[in-house]
Amino acid sequence: AEAGLADRFDGTDEEATDTLEALLRQSVEGQKMADVPLG
């Protein structure tokens, strides 16, 4: 929290949405990895 407040995101709404979408894609793809059925 303290690091985030010291380095605020100063981009546009569109840039923030793009960044969050990319991070969420990365997270979801990583957590989809499984050797058993997933849902």
PDB file of all heavy atoms in Angstrom:
ATOM      1  N   ALA A   1       0.829  -1.203   0.000  1.00  0.00           N
ATOM      2  CA  ALA A   1       0.000   0.000   0.000  1.00  0.00           C
ATOM      3  C   ALA A   1       0.866   1.257   0.000  1.00  0.00           C
ATOM      4  O   ALA A   1       0.633   2.196  -0.777  1.00  0.00           O
ATOM      5  CB  ALA A   1      -0.935  -0.007   1.209  1.00  0.00           C
ATOM      6  N   GLU A   2       1.868   1.287   0.867  1.00  0.00           N
ATOM      7  CA  GLU A   2       2.733   2.462   0.944  1.00  0.00           C
ATOM      8  C   GLU A   2       3.511   2.665  -0.347  1.00  0.00           C
ATOM      9  O   GLU A   2       3.681   3.802  -0.808  1.00  0.00           O
ATOM     10  CB  GLU A   2       3.677   2.334   2.140  1.00  0.00           C
ATOM     11  CG  GLU A   2       2.946   2.390   3.487  1.00  0.00           C
ATOM     12  CD  GLU A   2       3.901   2.372   4.668  1.00  0.00           C
ATOM     13  OE1 GLU A   2       4.891   3.128   4.628  1.00  0.00           O
ATOM     14  OE2 GLU A   2       3.661   1.597   5.611  1.00  0.00           O
ATOM     15  N   ALA A   3       3.974   1.563  -0.960  1.00  0.00           N
ATOM     16  CA  ALA A   3       4.696   1.682  -2.229  1.00  0.00           C
ATOM     17  C   ALA A   3       3.768   2.174  -3.338  1.00  0.00           C
ATOM     18  O   ALA A   3       4.160   3.002  -4.175  1.00  0.00           O
ATOM     19  CB  ALA A   3       5.308   0.334  -2.607  1.00  0.00           C
ATOM     20  N   GLY A   4       2.546   1.676  -3.340  1.00  0.00           N
ATOM     21  CA  GLY A   4       1.589   2.090  -4.365  1.00  0.00           C
ATOM     22  C   GLY A   4       1.220   3.554  -4.254  1.00  0.00           C
ATOM     23  O   GLY A   4       1.079   4.262  -5.265  1.00  0.00           O
ATOM     24  N   LEU A   5       1.069   4.038  -3.013  1.00  0.00           N
ATOM     25  CA  LEU A   5       0.726   5.438  -2.810  1.00  0.00           C
ATOM     26  C   LEU A   5       1.879   6.359  -3.203  1.00  0.00           C
ATOM     27  O   LEU A   5       1.664   7.505  -3.603  1.00  0.00           O
ATOM     28  CB  LEU A   5       0.345   5.668  -1.352  1.00  0.00           C
ATOM     29  CG  LEU A   5      -0.896   4.907  -0.859  1.00  0.00           C
ATOM     30  CD1 LEU A   5      -1.132   5.165   0.622  1.00  0.00           C
ATOM     31  CD2 LEU A   5      -2.123   5.285  -1.661  1.00  0.00           C
ATOM     32  N   ALA A   6       3.115   5.844  -3.088  1.00  0.00           N
ATOM     33  CA  ALA A   6       4.282   6.642  -3.463  1.00  0.00           C
ATOM     34  C   ALA A   6       4.531   6.624  -4.966  1.00  0.00           C
ATOM     35  O   ALA A   6       5.296   7.444  -5.477  1.00  0.00           O
ATOM     36  CB  ALA A   6       5.511   6.118  -2.726  1.00  0.00           C
ATOM     37  N   ASP A   7       3.893   5.707  -5.668  1.00  0.00           N
ATOM     38  CA  ASP A   7       4.099   5.578  -7.121  1.00  0.00           C
ATOM     39  C   ASP A   7       2.748   5.438  -7.805  1.00  0.00           C
ATOM     40  O   ASP A   7       2.437   4.418  -8.400  1.00  0.00           O
ATOM     41  CB  ASP A   7       4.995   4.356  -7.410  1.00  0.00           C
ATOM     42  CG  ASP A   7       5.286   4.183  -8.895  1.00  0.00           C
ATOM     43  OD1 ASP A   7       5.289   5.192  -9.630  1.00  0.00           O
ATOM     44  OD2 ASP A   7       5.501   3.028  -9.321  1.00  0.00           O
ATOM     45  N   ARG A   8       1.934   6.472  -7.707  1.00  0.00           N
ATOM     46  CA  ARG A   8       0.581   6.442  -8.262  1.00  0.00           C
ATOM     47  C   ARG A   8       0.605   6.261  -9.785  1.00  0.00           C
ATOM     48  O   ARG A   8       1.448   6.820 -10.484  1.00  0.00           O
ATOM     49  CB  ARG A   8      -0.154   7.744  -7.944  1.00  0.00           C
ATOM     50  CG  ARG A   8      -0.669   7.854  -6.540  1.00  0.00           C
ATOM     51  CD  ARG A   8      -1.778   6.864  -6.259  1.00  0.00           C
ATOM     52  NE  ARG A   8      -2.585   7.246  -5.119  1.00  0.00           N
ATOM     53  CZ  ARG A   8      -3.465   6.457  -4.534  1.00  0.00           C
ATOM     54  NH1 ARG A   8      -3.626   5.219  -4.972  1.00  0.00           N
ATOM     55  NH2 ARG A   8      -4.174   6.866  -3.500  1.00  0.00           N
ATOM     56  N   PHE A   9      -0.352   5.485 -10.264  1.00  0.00           N
ATOM     57  CA  PHE A   9      -0.539   5.339 -11.699  1.00  0.00           C
ATOM     58  C   PHE A   9      -1.073   6.662 -12.243  1.00  0.00           C
ATOM     59  O   PHE A   9      -2.083   7.181 -11.748  1.00  0.00           O
ATOM     60  CB  PHE A   9      -1.538   4.208 -11.982  1.00  0.00           C
ATOM     61  CG  PHE A   9      -1.770   3.955 -13.442  1.00  0.00           C
ATOM     62  CD1 PHE A   9      -0.908   3.157 -14.155  1.00  0.00           C
ATOM     63  CD2 PHE A   9      -2.856   4.522 -14.099  1.00  0.00           C
ATOM     64  CE1 PHE A   9      -1.112   2.920 -15.505  1.00  0.00           C
ATOM     65  CE2 PHE A   9      -3.071   4.292 -15.436  1.00  0.00           C
ATOM     66  CZ  PHE A   9      -2.202   3.483 -16.150  1.00  0.00           C
ATOM     67  N   ASP A  10      -0.408   7.221 -13.239  1.00  0.00           N
ATOM     68  CA  ASP A  10      -0.816   8.527 -13.755  1.00  0.00           C
ATOM     69  C   ASP A  10      -1.244   8.479 -15.218  1.00  0.00           C
ATOM     70  O   ASP A  10      -1.266   9.504 -15.910  1.00  0.00           O
ATOM     71  CB  ASP A  10       0.302   9.556 -13.570  1.00  0.00           C
ATOM     72  CG  ASP A  10       1.592   9.160 -14.292  1.00  0.00           C
ATOM     73  OD1 ASP A  10       1.608   8.068 -14.917  1.00  0.00           O
ATOM     74  OD2 ASP A  10       2.572   9.925 -14.238  1.00  0.00           O
ATOM     75  N   GLY A  11      -1.584   7.284 -15.683  1.00  0.00           N
ATOM     76  CA  GLY A  11      -2.035   7.155 -17.067  1.00  0.00           C
ATOM     77  C   GLY A  11      -3.528   7.415 -17.202  1.00  0.00           C
ATOM     78  O   GLY A  11      -4.228   7.766 -16.249  1.00  0.00           O
ATOM     79  N   THR A  12      -4.033   7.209 -18.399  1.00  0.00           N
ATOM     80  CA  THR A  12      -5.451   7.424 -18.694  1.00  0.00           C
ATOM     81  C   THR A  12      -6.283   6.238 -18.228  1.00  0.00           C
ATOM     82  O   THR A  12      -5.744   5.176 -17.872  1.00  0.00           O
ATOM     83  CB  THR A  12      -5.663   7.608 -20.201  1.00  0.00           C
ATOM     84  OG1 THR A  12      -5.309   6.367 -20.864  1.00  0.00           O
ATOM     85  CG2 THR A  12      -4.806   8.747 -20.752  1.00  0.00           C
ATOM     86  N   ASP A  13      -7.602   6.402 -18.247  1.00  0.00           N
ATOM     87  CA  ASP A  13      -8.508   5.292 -17.915  1.00  0.00           C
ATOM     88  C   ASP A  13      -8.266   4.107 -18.833  1.00  0.00           C
ATOM     89  O   ASP A  13      -8.251   2.943 -18.388  1.00  0.00           O
ATOM     90  CB  ASP A  13      -9.967   5.750 -18.040  1.00  0.00           C
ATOM     91  CG  ASP A  13     -10.377   6.719 -16.942  1.00  0.00           C
ATOM     92  OD1 ASP A  13      -9.606   6.889 -15.978  1.00  0.00           O
ATOM     93  OD2 ASP A  13     -11.475   7.305 -17.058  1.00  0.00           O
ATOM     94  N   GLU A  14      -8.076   4.385 -20.117  1.00  0.00           N
ATOM     95  CA  GLU A  14      -7.870   3.315 -21.096  1.00  0.00           C
ATOM     96  C   GLU A  14      -6.567   2.566 -20.811  1.00  0.00           C
ATOM     97  O   GLU A  14      -6.514   1.325 -20.866  1.00  0.00           O
ATOM     98  CB  GLU A  14      -7.831   3.901 -22.509  1.00  0.00           C
ATOM     99  CG  GLU A  14      -7.843   2.883 -23.627  1.00  0.00           C
ATOM    100  CD  GLU A  14      -9.207   2.222 -23.833  1.00  0.00           C
ATOM    101  OE1 GLU A  14     -10.194   2.733 -23.282  1.00  0.00           O
ATOM    102  OE2 GLU A  14      -9.261   1.201 -24.539  1.00  0.00           O
ATOM    103  N   GLU A  15      -5.518   3.302 -20.474  1.00  0.00           N
ATOM    104  CA  GLU A  15      -4.230   2.668 -20.178  1.00  0.00           C
ATOM    105  C   GLU A  15      -4.315   1.832 -18.901  1.00  0.00           C
ATOM    106  O   GLU A  15      -3.733   0.738 -18.824  1.00  0.00           O
ATOM    107  CB  GLU A  15      -3.146   3.739 -20.038  1.00  0.00           C
ATOM    108  CG  GLU A  15      -2.780   4.403 -21.361  1.00  0.00           C
ATOM    109  CD  GLU A  15      -1.936   5.661 -21.170  1.00  0.00           C
ATOM    110  OE1 GLU A  15      -1.938   6.232 -20.057  1.00  0.00           O
ATOM    111  OE2 GLU A  15      -1.274   6.069 -22.150  1.00  0.00           O
ATOM    112  N   ALA A  16      -5.044   2.327 -17.915  1.00  0.00           N
ATOM    113  CA  ALA A  16      -5.212   1.560 -16.679  1.00  0.00           C
ATOM    114  C   ALA A  16      -5.969   0.267 -16.948  1.00  0.00           C
ATOM    115  O   ALA A  16      -5.613  -0.803 -16.433  1.00  0.00           O
ATOM    116  CB  ALA A  16      -5.950   2.401 -15.644  1.00  0.00           C
ATOM    117  N   THR A  17      -7.011   0.352 -17.763  1.00  0.00           N
ATOM    118  CA  THR A  17      -7.797  -0.836 -18.093  1.00  0.00           C
ATOM    119  C   THR A  17      -6.956  -1.835 -18.866  1.00  0.00           C
ATOM    120  O   THR A  17      -7.019  -3.052 -18.610  1.00  0.00           O
ATOM    121  CB  THR A  17      -9.044  -0.436 -18.910  1.00  0.00           C
ATOM    122  OG1 THR A  17      -9.792   0.546 -18.186  1.00  0.00           O
ATOM    123  CG2 THR A  17      -9.936  -1.637 -19.174  1.00  0.00           C
ATOM    124  N   ASP A  18      -6.145  -1.351 -19.820  1.00  0.00           N
ATOM    125  CA  ASP A  18      -5.264  -2.243 -20.587  1.00  0.00           C
ATOM    126  C   ASP A  18      -4.283  -2.966 -19.667  1.00  0.00           C
ATOM    127  O   ASP A  18      -4.059  -4.177 -19.797  1.00  0.00           O
ATOM    128  CB  ASP A  18      -4.467  -1.437 -21.623  1.00  0.00           C
ATOM    129  CG  ASP A  18      -5.328  -0.922 -22.769  1.00  0.00           C
ATOM    130  OD1 ASP A  18      -6.444  -1.451 -22.951  1.00  0.00           O
ATOM    131  OD2 ASP A  18      -4.878   0.005 -23.469  1.00  0.00           O
ATOM    132  N   THR A  19      -3.696  -2.219 -18.727  1.00  0.00           N
ATOM    133  CA  THR A  19      -2.710  -2.816 -17.821  1.00  0.00           C
ATOM    134  C   THR A  19      -3.353  -3.862 -16.926  1.00  0.00           C
ATOM    135  O   THR A  19      -2.809  -4.961 -16.737  1.00  0.00           O
ATOM    136  CB  THR A  19      -2.053  -1.726 -16.960  1.00  0.00           C
ATOM    137  OG1 THR A  19      -1.447  -0.752 -17.810  1.00  0.00           O
ATOM    138  CG2 THR A  19      -0.999  -2.323 -16.035  1.00  0.00           C
ATOM    139  N   LEU A  20      -4.520  -3.527 -16.369  1.00  0.00           N
ATOM    140  CA  LEU A  20      -5.194  -4.480 -15.500  1.00  0.00           C
ATOM    141  C   LEU A  20      -5.617  -5.728 -16.272  1.00  0.00           C
ATOM    142  O   LEU A  20      -5.451  -6.858 -15.787  1.00  0.00           O
ATOM    143  CB  LEU A  20      -6.426  -3.838 -14.848  1.00  0.00           C
ATOM    144  CG  LEU A  20      -7.243  -4.757 -13.941  1.00  0.00           C
ATOM    145  CD1 LEU A  20      -6.394  -5.310 -12.802  1.00  0.00           C
ATOM    146  CD2 LEU A  20      -8.461  -4.026 -13.382  1.00  0.00           C
ATOM    147  N   GLU A  21      -6.129  -5.553 -17.467  1.00  0.00           N
ATOM    148  CA  GLU A  21      -6.531  -6.706 -18.271  1.00  0.00           C
ATOM    149  C   GLU A  21      -5.346  -7.632 -18.534  1.00  0.00           C
ATOM    150  O   GLU A  21      -5.464  -8.864 -18.426  1.00  0.00           O
ATOM    151  CB  GLU A  21      -7.132  -6.242 -19.600  1.00  0.00           C
ATOM    152  CG  GLU A  21      -7.619  -7.396 -20.465  1.00  0.00           C
ATOM    153  CD  GLU A  21      -8.178  -6.928 -21.799  1.00  0.00           C
ATOM    154  OE1 GLU A  21      -7.934  -5.773 -22.188  1.00  0.00           O
ATOM    155  OE2 GLU A  21      -8.870  -7.740 -22.466  1.00  0.00           O
ATOM    156  N   ALA A  22      -4.184  -7.061 -18.865  1.00  0.00           N
ATOM    157  CA  ALA A  22      -2.992  -7.872 -19.132  1.00  0.00           C
ATOM    158  C   ALA A  22      -2.559  -8.636 -17.880  1.00  0.00           C
ATOM    159  O   ALA A  22      -2.208  -9.824 -17.955  1.00  0.00           O
ATOM    160  CB  ALA A  22      -1.856  -6.979 -19.632  1.00  0.00           C
ATOM    161  N   LEU A  23      -2.598  -7.979 -16.726  1.00  0.00           N
ATOM    162  CA  LEU A  23      -2.221  -8.653 -15.477  1.00  0.00           C
ATOM    163  C   LEU A  23      -3.205  -9.768 -15.125  1.00  0.00           C
ATOM    164  O   LEU A  23      -2.801 -10.843 -14.661  1.00  0.00           O
ATOM    165  CB  LEU A  23      -2.166  -7.629 -14.340  1.00  0.00           C
ATOM    166  CG  LEU A  23      -0.993  -6.644 -14.367  1.00  0.00           C
ATOM    167  CD1 LEU A  23      -1.199  -5.550 -13.337  1.00  0.00           C
ATOM    168  CD2 LEU A  23       0.328  -7.369 -14.119  1.00  0.00           C
ATOM    169  N   LEU A  24      -4.489  -9.514 -15.331  1.00  0.00           N
ATOM    170  CA  LEU A  24      -5.487 -10.543 -15.041  1.00  0.00           C
ATOM    171  C   LEU A  24      -5.358 -11.721 -15.995  1.00  0.00           C
ATOM    172  O   LEU A  24      -5.511 -12.882 -15.582  1.00  0.00           O
ATOM    173  CB  LEU A  24      -6.893  -9.935 -15.129  1.00  0.00           C
ATOM    174  CG  LEU A  24      -7.273  -8.966 -14.002  1.00  0.00           C
ATOM    175  CD1 LEU A  24      -8.617  -8.306 -14.294  1.00  0.00           C
ATOM    176  CD2 LEU A  24      -7.327  -9.685 -12.662  1.00  0.00           C
ATOM    177  N   ARG A  25      -5.077 -11.449 -17.253  1.00  0.00           N
ATOM    178  CA  ARG A  25      -4.860 -12.545 -18.211  1.00  0.00           C
ATOM    179  C   ARG A  25      -3.687 -13.418 -17.765  1.00  0.00           C
ATOM    180  O   ARG A  25      -3.754 -14.648 -17.798  1.00  0.00           O
ATOM    181  CB  ARG A  25      -4.573 -11.979 -19.605  1.00  0.00           C
ATOM    182  CG  ARG A  25      -5.805 -11.644 -20.434  1.00  0.00           C
ATOM    183  CD  ARG A  25      -5.381 -11.119 -21.798  1.00  0.00           C
ATOM    184  NE  ARG A  25      -6.504 -10.976 -22.689  1.00  0.00           N
ATOM    185  CZ  ARG A  25      -6.967 -11.938 -23.486  1.00  0.00           C
ATOM    186  NH1 ARG A  25      -6.404 -13.124 -23.472  1.00  0.00           N
ATOM    187  NH2 ARG A  25      -7.996 -11.718 -24.285  1.00  0.00           N
ATOM    188  N   GLN A  26      -2.609 -12.750 -17.346  1.00  0.00           N
ATOM    189  CA  GLN A  26      -1.424 -13.465 -16.888  1.00  0.00           C
ATOM    190  C   GLN A  26      -1.752 -14.330 -15.675  1.00  0.00           C
ATOM    191  O   GLN A  26      -1.342 -15.496 -15.595  1.00  0.00           O
ATOM    192  CB  GLN A  26      -0.336 -12.449 -16.552  1.00  0.00           C
ATOM    193  CG  GLN A  26       0.984 -13.060 -16.121  1.00  0.00           C
ATOM    194  CD  GLN A  26       2.006 -11.997 -15.758  1.00  0.00           C
ATOM    195  OE1 GLN A  26       1.668 -10.973 -15.164  1.00  0.00           O
ATOM    196  NE2 GLN A  26       3.263 -12.224 -16.115  1.00  0.00           N
ATOM    197  N   SER A  27      -2.505 -13.771 -14.739  1.00  0.00           N
ATOM    198  CA  SER A  27      -2.867 -14.513 -13.539  1.00  0.00           C
ATOM    199  C   SER A  27      -3.763 -15.702 -13.863  1.00  0.00           C
ATOM    200  O   SER A  27      -3.534 -16.820 -13.383  1.00  0.00           O
ATOM    201  CB  SER A  27      -3.572 -13.578 -12.547  1.00  0.00           C
ATOM    202  OG  SER A  27      -4.029 -14.296 -11.420  1.00  0.00           O
ATOM    203  N   VAL A  28      -4.785 -15.473 -14.672  1.00  0.00           N
ATOM    204  CA  VAL A  28      -5.722 -16.537 -15.014  1.00  0.00           C
ATOM    205  C   VAL A  28      -5.015 -17.662 -15.763  1.00  0.00           C
ATOM    206  O   VAL A  28      -5.226 -18.856 -15.477  1.00  0.00           O
ATOM    207  CB  VAL A  28      -6.899 -15.975 -15.837  1.00  0.00           C
ATOM    208  CG1 VAL A  28      -7.709 -17.112 -16.470  1.00  0.00           C
ATOM    209  CG2 VAL A  28      -7.803 -15.124 -14.954  1.00  0.00           C
ATOM    210  N   GLU A  29      -4.172 -17.300 -16.728  1.00  0.00           N
ATOM    211  CA  GLU A  29      -3.472 -18.338 -17.482  1.00  0.00           C
ATOM    212  C   GLU A  29      -2.570 -19.164 -16.566  1.00  0.00           C
ATOM    213  O   GLU A  29      -2.479 -20.386 -16.711  1.00  0.00           O
ATOM    214  CB  GLU A  29      -2.647 -17.704 -18.612  1.00  0.00           C
ATOM    215  CG  GLU A  29      -3.488 -17.200 -19.773  1.00  0.00           C
ATOM    216  CD  GLU A  29      -4.365 -18.297 -20.368  1.00  0.00           C
ATOM    217  OE1 GLU A  29      -3.829 -19.395 -20.689  1.00  0.00           O
ATOM    218  OE2 GLU A  29      -5.584 -18.081 -20.496  1.00  0.00           O
ATOM    219  N   GLY A  30      -1.903 -18.513 -15.627  1.00  0.00           N
ATOM    220  CA  GLY A  30      -1.053 -19.251 -14.696  1.00  0.00           C
ATOM    221  C   GLY A  30      -1.852 -20.179 -13.805  1.00  0.00           C
ATOM    222  O   GLY A  30      -1.435 -21.308 -13.534  1.00  0.00           O
ATOM    223  N   GLN A  31      -3.016 -19.723 -13.353  1.00  0.00           N
ATOM    224  CA  GLN A  31      -3.809 -20.535 -12.431  1.00  0.00           C
ATOM    225  C   GLN A  31      -4.677 -21.569 -13.141  1.00  0.00           C
ATOM    226  O   GLN A  31      -5.281 -22.421 -12.485  1.00  0.00           O
ATOM    227  CB  GLN A  31      -4.644 -19.615 -11.536  1.00  0.00           C
ATOM    228  CG  GLN A  31      -3.751 -18.774 -10.631  1.00  0.00           C
ATOM    229  CD  GLN A  31      -4.468 -18.177  -9.450  1.00  0.00           C
ATOM    230  OE1 GLN A  31      -5.460 -18.712  -8.971  1.00  0.00           O
ATOM    231  NE2 GLN A  31      -3.964 -17.052  -8.959  1.00  0.00           N
ATOM    232  N   LYS A  32      -4.714 -21.510 -14.472  1.00  0.00           N
ATOM    233  CA  LYS A  32      -5.398 -22.564 -15.237  1.00  0.00           C
ATOM    234  C   LYS A  32      -4.545 -23.821 -15.362  1.00  0.00           C
ATOM    235  O   LYS A  32      -5.048 -24.887 -15.730  1.00  0.00           O
ATOM    236  CB  LYS A  32      -5.743 -22.054 -16.644  1.00  0.00           C
ATOM    237  CG  LYS A  32      -6.986 -21.187 -16.717  1.00  0.00           C
ATOM    238  CD  LYS A  32      -7.155 -20.558 -18.091  1.00  0.00           C
ATOM    239  CE  LYS A  32      -7.289 -21.598 -19.196  1.00  0.00           C
ATOM    240  NZ  LYS A  32      -7.486 -20.950 -20.515  1.00  0.00           N
ATOM    241  N   MET A  33      -3.264 -23.703 -15.061  1.00  0.00           N
ATOM    242  CA  MET A  33      -2.379 -24.859 -15.213  1.00  0.00           C
ATOM    243  C   MET A  33      -2.756 -25.938 -14.209  1.00  0.00           C
ATOM    244  O   MET A  33      -2.751 -25.707 -12.996  1.00  0.00           O
ATOM    245  CB  MET A  33      -0.924 -24.431 -15.022  1.00  0.00           C
ATOM    246  CG  MET A  33      -0.431 -23.462 -16.083  1.00  0.00           C
ATOM    247  SD  MET A  33       1.265 -22.890 -15.779  1.00  0.00           S
ATOM    248  CE  MET A  33       2.160 -24.438 -15.942  1.00  0.00           C
ATOM    249  N   ALA A  34      -3.108 -27.112 -14.710  1.00  0.00           N
ATOM    250  CA  ALA A  34      -3.506 -28.224 -13.841  1.00  0.00           C
ATOM    251  C   ALA A  34      -3.446 -29.520 -14.638  1.00  0.00           C
ATOM    252  O   ALA A  34      -3.689 -29.523 -15.855  1.00  0.00           O
ATOM    253  CB  ALA A  34      -4.916 -28.004 -13.301  1.00  0.00           C
ATOM    254  N   ASP A  35      -3.124 -30.602 -13.956  1.00  0.00           N
ATOM    255  CA  ASP A  35      -3.121 -31.907 -14.622  1.00  0.00           C
ATOM    256  C   ASP A  35      -4.378 -32.701 -14.286  1.00  0.00           C
ATOM    257  O   ASP A  35      -4.425 -33.914 -14.445  1.00  0.00           O
ATOM    258  CB  ASP A  35      -1.862 -32.703 -14.260  1.00  0.00           C
ATOM    259  CG  ASP A  35      -1.694 -32.890 -12.764  1.00  0.00           C
ATOM    260  OD1 ASP A  35      -2.603 -32.459 -12.010  1.00  0.00           O
ATOM    261  OD2 ASP A  35      -0.674 -33.456 -12.338  1.00  0.00           O
ATOM    262  N   VAL A  36      -5.400 -31.998 -13.795  1.00  0.00           N
ATOM    263  CA  VAL A  36      -6.706 -32.604 -13.509  1.00  0.00           C
ATOM    264  C   VAL A  36      -7.776 -31.688 -14.110  1.00  0.00           C
ATOM    265  O   VAL A  36      -7.501 -30.530 -14.447  1.00  0.00           O
ATOM    266  CB  VAL A  36      -6.923 -32.738 -11.982  1.00  0.00           C
ATOM    267  CG1 VAL A  36      -5.969 -33.762 -11.392  1.00  0.00           C
ATOM    268  CG2 VAL A  36      -6.769 -31.399 -11.273  1.00  0.00           C
ATOM    269  N   PRO A  37      -9.019 -32.158 -14.265  1.00  0.00           N
ATOM    270  CA  PRO A  37     -10.078 -31.316 -14.845  1.00  0.00           C
ATOM    271  C   PRO A  37     -10.278 -30.018 -14.060  1.00  0.00           C
ATOM    272  O   PRO A  37     -10.260 -30.006 -12.831  1.00  0.00           O
ATOM    273  CB  PRO A  37     -11.317 -32.211 -14.758  1.00  0.00           C
ATOM    274  CG  PRO A  37     -10.778 -33.603 -14.768  1.00  0.00           C
ATOM    275  CD  PRO A  37      -9.485 -33.535 -14.024  1.00  0.00           C
ATOM    276  N   LEU A  38     -10.487 -28.924 -14.801  1.00  0.00           N
ATOM    277  CA  LEU A  38     -10.552 -27.594 -14.217  1.00  0.00           C
ATOM    278  C   LEU A  38     -11.822 -26.878 -14.654  1.00  0.00           C
ATOM    279  O   LEU A  38     -12.298 -27.050 -15.777  1.00  0.00           O
ATOM    280  CB  LEU A  38      -9.323 -26.791 -14.651  1.00  0.00           C
ATOM    281  CG  LEU A  38      -9.251 -25.323 -14.239  1.00  0.00           C
ATOM    282  CD1 LEU A  38      -7.902 -24.998 -13.630  1.00  0.00           C
ATOM    283  CD2 LEU A  38      -9.493 -24.435 -15.461  1.00  0.00           C
ATOM    284  N   GLY A  39     -12.392 -26.061 -13.778  1.00  0.00           N
ATOM    285  CA  GLY A  39     -13.584 -25.287 -14.099  1.00  0.00           C
ATOM    286  C   GLY A  39     -13.578 -23.984 -13.334  1.00  0.00           C
ATOM    287  O   GLY A  39     -12.532 -23.507 -12.881  1.00  0.00           O
TER     288      GLY A  39
END
